Amino acid sequence: MDPSLSHSWRSLNLVYTLTTCTSL
């Protein structure tokens, strides 16, 4: 798996988590 892709996915997942927590 491409490291840059993995990093992007990790960042996206982090943003999603933060957004969800903020919504709550």
C-alpha atoms as a PDB file:
ATOM      1  CA  MET A   1       0.000   0.000   0.000  1.00  0.00           C
ATOM      2  CA  ASP A   2       1.208   3.479  -0.842  1.00  0.00           C
ATOM      3  CA  PRO A   3       2.479   5.317   2.281  1.00  0.00           C
ATOM      4  CA  SER A   4       1.132   8.655   1.050  1.00  0.00           C
ATOM      5  CA  LEU A   5      -2.274   7.115   0.488  1.00  0.00           C
ATOM      6  CA  SER A   6      -2.216   5.590   3.956  1.00  0.00           C
ATOM      7  CA  HIS A   7      -1.274   8.965   5.417  1.00  0.00           C
ATOM      8  CA  SER A   8      -4.129  10.654   3.548  1.00  0.00           C
ATOM      9  CA  TRP A   9      -6.593   8.045   4.785  1.00  0.00           C
ATOM     10  CA  ARG A  10      -5.333   8.489   8.354  1.00  0.00           C
ATOM     11  CA  SER A  11      -5.740  12.266   8.095  1.00  0.00           C
ATOM     12  CA  LEU A  12      -9.218  11.917   6.634  1.00  0.00           C
ATOM     13  CA  ASN A  13     -10.189   9.518   9.402  1.00  0.00           C
ATOM     14  CA  LEU A  14      -8.872  11.962  12.016  1.00  0.00           C
ATOM     15  CA  VAL A  15     -10.880  14.835  10.528  1.00  0.00           C
ATOM     16  CA  TYR A  16     -13.993  12.654  10.447  1.00  0.00           C
ATOM     17  CA  THR A  17     -13.526  11.711  14.105  1.00  0.00           C
ATOM     18  CA  LEU A  18     -13.035  15.325  15.153  1.00  0.00           C
ATOM     19  CA  THR A  19     -16.089  16.412  13.175  1.00  0.00           C
ATOM     20  CA  THR A  20     -18.216  13.705  14.760  1.00  0.00           C
ATOM     21  CA  CYS A  21     -17.052  14.601  18.261  1.00  0.00           C
ATOM     22  CA  THR A  22     -17.739  18.280  17.623  1.00  0.00           C
ATOM     23  CA  SER A  23     -21.223  17.472  16.326  1.00  0.00           C
ATOM     24  CA  LEU A  24     -21.988  15.613  19.552  1.00  0.00           C
END
